Protein backbone atom coordinates (compact mmCIF):
# COMPACT_ATOMS: atom_id res chain seq x y z
CA MET A 1 22.18 4.78 -7.53
CA GLU A 2 20.66 8.13 -8.47
CA ASN A 3 17.58 9.48 -6.65
CA ASP A 4 17.00 6.02 -5.10
CA ILE A 5 16.74 4.50 -8.60
CA GLN A 6 18.55 1.27 -9.31
CA ARG A 7 19.20 0.44 -12.95
CA HIS A 8 19.53 -3.13 -14.19
CA GLU A 9 19.99 -4.50 -17.66
CA CYS A 10 17.62 -7.17 -18.93
CA GLN A 11 16.69 -8.81 -22.19
CA VAL A 12 13.09 -8.48 -23.36
CA LEU A 13 12.06 -11.90 -24.67
CA ASP A 14 8.42 -11.05 -25.45
CA VAL A 15 6.12 -8.06 -25.04
CA SER A 16 2.37 -7.52 -25.42
CA SER A 17 -0.09 -4.80 -24.53
CA ASP A 18 -0.51 -6.42 -21.09
CA GLY A 19 3.06 -7.19 -20.07
CA ALA A 20 6.48 -8.60 -20.90
CA LYS A 21 8.71 -11.63 -20.43
CA LEU A 22 12.20 -10.66 -19.35
CA LEU A 23 15.53 -12.37 -18.81
CA ALA A 24 17.52 -10.80 -15.99
CA ASP A 25 20.05 -11.52 -13.22
CA ILE A 26 18.20 -9.62 -10.49
CA ASP A 27 16.40 -10.66 -7.34
CA ALA A 28 12.83 -9.54 -8.00
CA PRO A 29 10.30 -11.58 -6.00
CA ILE A 30 6.71 -11.99 -7.13
CA GLY A 31 4.81 -8.79 -6.29
CA THR A 32 7.82 -6.52 -6.85
CA THR A 33 6.97 -3.37 -8.79
CA PHE A 34 9.42 -1.62 -11.11
CA ARG A 35 9.59 0.62 -14.16
CA LEU A 36 10.68 -0.83 -17.49
CA SER A 37 12.26 1.25 -20.23
CA VAL A 38 13.63 0.09 -23.57
CA GLY A 39 16.80 2.15 -23.39
CA PRO A 40 19.04 3.79 -20.79
CA GLU A 41 17.83 7.29 -21.73
CA ALA A 42 14.23 6.34 -22.65
CA ALA A 43 11.69 8.96 -21.57
CA VAL A 44 8.83 6.43 -21.42
CA ARG A 45 8.94 3.93 -18.56
CA ARG A 46 6.10 1.46 -17.97
CA LYS A 47 5.20 0.57 -14.39
CA CYS A 48 5.22 -3.23 -13.99
CA GLU A 49 4.63 -5.92 -11.39
CA VAL A 50 6.37 -9.31 -11.28
CA LEU A 51 3.72 -12.04 -11.77
CA TRP A 52 5.93 -15.10 -12.02
CA ARG A 53 9.57 -16.22 -12.01
CA LYS A 54 11.32 -19.23 -13.46
CA GLY A 55 15.06 -19.08 -12.98
CA ARG A 56 16.26 -15.91 -14.69
CA MET A 57 12.95 -15.44 -16.56
CA ILE A 58 10.47 -12.92 -15.17
CA GLY A 59 6.84 -12.46 -16.24
CA ALA A 60 5.66 -8.91 -15.62
CA LYS A 61 2.30 -7.23 -16.14
CA PHE A 62 1.93 -3.57 -17.02
CA LEU A 63 0.12 -1.47 -14.41
CA ALA A 64 -2.01 1.57 -15.14
């Protein structure tokens, strides 16, 4: 952990202008906020909130 940042790998199953559907092995309850980047060194990270969970699938909306 660096600067209180935890990094987790996930697979992006779908993405739109409003959010993304992810496949991940992390415990992220509904309401959890996080930043999503498309690569380990990506400069752009989108702030997200978990809207729903179904097993390993996570539905997240992008926040402003």
